[in-house]
């Protein structure tokens, strides 16, 4: 899947154009390059390979937040159906969250003390949530869900 990638931090713009400056690291627009294969997807969603099962983000939306009772819904993301390894030589570096193609958050992960998962408390009540997770070996993987 095509994406416009920041060569400095790996942020992927999914809007179809590069921002004036990177929303993560502040690099200038000239630091972006369009890549046809920037984001990986399942070849056959009904017959996932073992590698796809380890890399495609699994999104769970919890409509009632336990922490913020009014105006909040939780989003839980784990990497993948089979838990992705978090070892020094093979791990998920970050998980980026988008609503309607606009970046809303990046969660940075380190292999030693974290599991390949993240959660957000959203104010948004509707829209398309997209999650892109970057494996240091196998690249960026995408998943989405409707809020």
C-alpha atoms as a PDB file:
ATOM      1  CA  UNK A   1       0.000   0.000   0.000  1.00  0.00           C
ATOM      2  CA  UNK A   2       1.280   3.446  -0.907  1.00  0.00           C
ATOM      3  CA  UNK A   3       2.326   5.937   1.745  1.00  0.00           C
ATOM      4  CA  UNK A   4       4.448   9.056   2.070  1.00  0.00           C
ATOM      5  CA  UNK A   5       7.214   8.275   4.560  1.00  0.00           C
ATOM      6  CA  UNK A   6       9.389  10.577   6.666  1.00  0.00           C
ATOM      7  CA  UNK A   7      12.971   9.419   6.117  1.00  0.00           C
ATOM      8  CA  UNK A   8      13.920  10.715   9.590  1.00  0.00           C
ATOM      9  CA  UNK A   9      11.385   9.076  11.949  1.00  0.00           C
ATOM     10  CA  UNK A  10       9.283   6.705   9.814  1.00  0.00           C
ATOM     11  CA  UNK A  11       5.980   8.597  10.169  1.00  0.00           C
ATOM     12  CA  UNK A  12       3.694   7.667   7.278  1.00  0.00           C
ATOM     13  CA  UNK A  13       1.287  10.236   5.868  1.00  0.00           C
ATOM     14  CA  UNK A  14      -1.815   8.466   4.574  1.00  0.00           C
ATOM     15  CA  UNK A  15      -3.519  11.630   3.306  1.00  0.00           C
ATOM     16  CA  UNK A  16      -1.922  11.421  -0.144  1.00  0.00           C
ATOM     17  CA  UNK A  17       0.530  14.272   0.425  1.00  0.00           C
ATOM     18  CA  UNK A  18       3.436  15.174   2.671  1.00  0.00           C
ATOM     19  CA  UNK A  19       2.844  17.741   5.416  1.00  0.00           C
ATOM     20  CA  UNK A  20       4.890  20.966   5.450  1.00  0.00           C
ATOM     21  CA  UNK A  21       6.773  19.477   8.398  1.00  0.00           C
ATOM     22  CA  UNK A  22       6.674  16.014   9.959  1.00  0.00           C
ATOM     23  CA  UNK A  23       4.032  15.731  12.658  1.00  0.00           C
ATOM     24  CA  UNK A  24       6.337  13.507  14.742  1.00  0.00           C
ATOM     25  CA  UNK A  25       9.888  14.839  14.377  1.00  0.00           C
ATOM     26  CA  UNK A  26       9.411  18.228  12.678  1.00  0.00           C
ATOM     27  CA  UNK A  27      11.517  17.342   9.631  1.00  0.00           C
ATOM     28  CA  UNK A  28      10.777  19.488   6.537  1.00  0.00           C
ATOM     29  CA  UNK A  29       8.533  18.372   3.675  1.00  0.00           C
ATOM     30  CA  UNK A  30      11.675  17.557   1.658  1.00  0.00           C
ATOM     31  CA  UNK A  31      12.371  14.702   4.113  1.00  0.00           C
ATOM     32  CA  UNK A  32       9.378  12.735   2.808  1.00  0.00           C
ATOM     33  CA  UNK A  33       9.385  10.192   0.002  1.00  0.00           C
ATOM     34  CA  UNK A  34       6.511   8.356  -1.620  1.00  0.00           C
ATOM     35  CA  UNK A  35       6.776   4.580  -1.401  1.00  0.00           C
ATOM     36  CA  UNK A  36       4.471   2.187  -3.204  1.00  0.00           C
ATOM     37  CA  UNK A  37       5.075  -0.527  -0.583  1.00  0.00           C
ATOM     38  CA  UNK A  38       5.236   1.681   2.539  1.00  0.00           C
ATOM     39  CA  UNK A  39       2.480  -0.231   4.323  1.00  0.00           C
ATOM     40  CA  UNK A  40       1.901  -3.964   4.293  1.00  0.00           C
ATOM     41  CA  UNK A  41      -1.546  -5.554   4.267  1.00  0.00           C
ATOM     42  CA  UNK A  42      -2.843  -9.114   4.250  1.00  0.00           C
ATOM     43  CA  UNK A  43      -2.725 -10.801   0.866  1.00  0.00           C
ATOM     44  CA  UNK A  44      -5.880 -12.766   1.734  1.00  0.00           C
ATOM     45  CA  UNK A  45      -7.752 -11.585   4.855  1.00  0.00           C
ATOM     46  CA  UNK A  46      -9.519 -14.934   5.211  1.00  0.00           C
ATOM     47  CA  UNK A  47      -6.283 -16.944   5.090  1.00  0.00           C
ATOM     48  CA  UNK A  48      -3.616 -15.037   6.996  1.00  0.00           C
ATOM     49  CA  UNK A  49      -0.052 -16.306   6.988  1.00  0.00           C
ATOM     50  CA  UNK A  50       1.778 -16.767  10.299  1.00  0.00           C
ATOM     51  CA  UNK A  51       3.775 -13.602   9.581  1.00  0.00           C
ATOM     52  CA  UNK A  52       0.599 -11.612   8.929  1.00  0.00           C
ATOM     53  CA  UNK A  53      -0.924 -12.963  12.152  1.00  0.00           C
ATOM     54  CA  UNK A  54       2.088 -11.556  14.057  1.00  0.00           C
ATOM     55  CA  UNK A  55       2.110  -8.131  12.405  1.00  0.00           C
ATOM     56  CA  UNK A  56      -1.408  -6.917  11.610  1.00  0.00           C
ATOM     57  CA  UNK A  57      -2.685  -4.700  14.453  1.00  0.00           C
ATOM     58  CA  UNK A  58      -5.741  -6.044  16.279  1.00  0.00           C
ATOM     59  CA  UNK A  59      -8.047  -3.193  17.338  1.00  0.00           C
ATOM     60  CA  UNK A  60     -10.596  -3.412  20.153  1.00  0.00           C
ATOM     61  CA  UNK A  61     -12.905  -0.462  20.770  1.00  0.00           C
ATOM     62  CA  UNK A  62     -14.455  -0.226  24.226  1.00  0.00           C
ATOM     63  CA  UNK A  63     -17.391   2.201  24.073  1.00  0.00           C
ATOM     64  CA  UNK A  64     -17.475   2.810  27.843  1.00  0.00           C
ATOM     65  CA  UNK A  65     -14.207   3.992  29.372  1.00  0.00           C
ATOM     66  CA  UNK A  66     -13.425   2.791  32.894  1.00  0.00           C
ATOM     67  CA  UNK A  67     -11.076   5.694  33.629  1.00  0.00           C
ATOM     68  CA  UNK A  68     -12.928   8.705  32.210  1.00  0.00           C
ATOM     69  CA  UNK A  69     -16.658   7.969  32.547  1.00  0.00           C
ATOM     70  CA  UNK A  70     -18.087  10.807  30.407  1.00  0.00           C
ATOM     71  CA  UNK A  71     -17.242  11.438  26.753  1.00  0.00           C
ATOM     72  CA  UNK A  72     -14.556   8.798  26.392  1.00  0.00           C
ATOM     73  CA  UNK A  73     -14.106   5.517  24.620  1.00  0.00           C
ATOM     74  CA  UNK A  74     -11.035   3.314  24.794  1.00  0.00           C
ATOM     75  CA  UNK A  75      -9.027   1.901  21.928  1.00  0.00           C
ATOM     76  CA  UNK A  76      -6.831  -1.106  22.647  1.00  0.00           C
ATOM     77  CA  UNK A  77      -4.330  -2.304  20.052  1.00  0.00           C
ATOM     78  CA  UNK A  78      -2.147  -5.380  20.176  1.00  0.00           C
ATOM     79  CA  UNK A  79       0.218  -6.717  17.548  1.00  0.00           C
ATOM     80  CA  UNK A  80      -1.240  -9.355  16.091  1.00  0.00           C
ATOM     81  CA  UNK A  81      -3.452 -12.393  16.560  1.00  0.00           C
ATOM     82  CA  UNK A  82      -0.246 -14.260  17.478  1.00  0.00           C
ATOM     83  CA  UNK A  83       1.702 -11.988  19.821  1.00  0.00           C
ATOM     84  CA  UNK A  84       4.611 -10.280  18.081  1.00  0.00           C
ATOM     85  CA  UNK A  85       8.013 -10.826  19.723  1.00  0.00           C
ATOM     86  CA  UNK A  86       9.620  -7.988  21.670  1.00  0.00           C
ATOM     87  CA  UNK A  87      13.302  -8.944  21.574  1.00  0.00           C
ATOM     88  CA  UNK A  88      16.351  -6.719  21.140  1.00  0.00           C
ATOM     89  CA  UNK A  89      16.752  -7.827  17.523  1.00  0.00           C
ATOM     90  CA  UNK A  90      13.052  -8.056  16.535  1.00  0.00           C
ATOM     91  CA  UNK A  91      10.369  -5.757  17.951  1.00  0.00           C
ATOM     92  CA  UNK A  92       7.622  -3.220  17.286  1.00  0.00           C
ATOM     93  CA  UNK A  93       9.227   0.232  17.387  1.00  0.00           C
ATOM     94  CA  UNK A  94       6.038   2.296  17.481  1.00  0.00           C
ATOM     95  CA  UNK A  95       2.295   2.345  16.928  1.00  0.00           C
ATOM     96  CA  UNK A  96       0.718   5.360  15.190  1.00  0.00           C
ATOM     97  CA  UNK A  97      -2.981   6.200  15.571  1.00  0.00           C
ATOM     98  CA  UNK A  98      -5.017   8.188  13.026  1.00  0.00           C
ATOM     99  CA  UNK A  99      -8.636   9.340  12.899  1.00  0.00           C
ATOM    100  CA  UNK A 100      -9.944  10.010   9.389  1.00  0.00           C
ATOM    101  CA  UNK A 101      -6.322   9.880   8.112  1.00  0.00           C
ATOM    102  CA  UNK A 102      -5.109  12.569  10.550  1.00  0.00           C
ATOM    103  CA  UNK A 103      -2.398  11.518  13.014  1.00  0.00           C
ATOM    104  CA  UNK A 104      -3.561  11.727  16.632  1.00  0.00           C
ATOM    105  CA  UNK A 105      -0.834   9.874  18.553  1.00  0.00           C
ATOM    106  CA  UNK A 106       2.354   7.818  18.422  1.00  0.00           C
ATOM    107  CA  UNK A 107       3.225   5.291  21.107  1.00  0.00           C
ATOM    108  CA  UNK A 108       6.934   4.402  21.109  1.00  0.00           C
ATOM    109  CA  UNK A 109       7.852   0.917  22.307  1.00  0.00           C
ATOM    110  CA  UNK A 110      11.114  -0.591  23.541  1.00  0.00           C
ATOM    111  CA  UNK A 111      11.718  -4.334  23.544  1.00  0.00           C
ATOM    112  CA  UNK A 112      13.008  -4.917  27.067  1.00  0.00           C
ATOM    113  CA  UNK A 113      10.053  -4.002  29.271  1.00  0.00           C
ATOM    114  CA  UNK A 114       7.007  -3.571  27.036  1.00  0.00           C
ATOM    115  CA  UNK A 115       4.521  -5.801  25.300  1.00  0.00           C
ATOM    116  CA  UNK A 116       3.518  -5.052  21.688  1.00  0.00           C
ATOM    117  CA  UNK A 117       0.351  -3.168  22.631  1.00  0.00           C
ATOM    118  CA  UNK A 118      -1.013   0.311  23.346  1.00  0.00           C
ATOM    119  CA  UNK A 119      -4.241   1.982  24.459  1.00  0.00           C
ATOM    120  CA  UNK A 120      -5.763   5.436  24.025  1.00  0.00           C
ATOM    121  CA  UNK A 121      -8.707   7.233  25.608  1.00  0.00           C
ATOM    122  CA  UNK A 122     -10.555   8.988  22.772  1.00  0.00           C
ATOM    123  CA  UNK A 123     -12.845  11.994  22.858  1.00  0.00           C
ATOM    124  CA  UNK A 124     -13.879  11.258  19.273  1.00  0.00           C
ATOM    125  CA  UNK A 125     -17.269   9.542  18.954  1.00  0.00           C
ATOM    126  CA  UNK A 126     -17.106   8.693  15.262  1.00  0.00           C
ATOM    127  CA  UNK A 127     -14.746   8.384  12.343  1.00  0.00           C
ATOM    128  CA  UNK A 128     -12.391   5.839  10.895  1.00  0.00           C
ATOM    129  CA  UNK A 129      -9.578   4.804  13.239  1.00  0.00           C
ATOM    130  CA  UNK A 130      -6.427   3.641  11.470  1.00  0.00           C
ATOM    131  CA  UNK A 131      -3.472   2.050  13.230  1.00  0.00           C
ATOM    132  CA  UNK A 132      -0.036   1.578  11.692  1.00  0.00           C
ATOM    133  CA  UNK A 133       2.612  -0.389  13.596  1.00  0.00           C
ATOM    134  CA  UNK A 134       6.260  -0.614  12.580  1.00  0.00           C
ATOM    135  CA  UNK A 135       8.255  -3.816  12.997  1.00  0.00           C
ATOM    136  CA  UNK A 136      11.998  -3.135  12.866  1.00  0.00           C
ATOM    137  CA  UNK A 137      12.466  -6.099  10.494  1.00  0.00           C
ATOM    138  CA  UNK A 138       9.190  -6.583   8.585  1.00  0.00           C
ATOM    139  CA  UNK A 139       8.039  -2.990   8.061  1.00  0.00           C
ATOM    140  CA  UNK A 140       4.789  -1.115   8.663  1.00  0.00           C
ATOM    141  CA  UNK A 141       1.417  -2.898   8.970  1.00  0.00           C
ATOM    142  CA  UNK A 142      -2.046  -1.347   8.946  1.00  0.00           C
ATOM    143  CA  UNK A 143      -5.475  -2.030  10.355  1.00  0.00           C
ATOM    144  CA  UNK A 144      -8.603   0.100  10.724  1.00  0.00           C
ATOM    145  CA  UNK A 145     -11.951   0.177  12.460  1.00  0.00           C
ATOM    146  CA  UNK A 146     -14.986   2.432  12.617  1.00  0.00           C
ATOM    147  CA  UNK A 147     -15.527   4.276  15.876  1.00  0.00           C
END
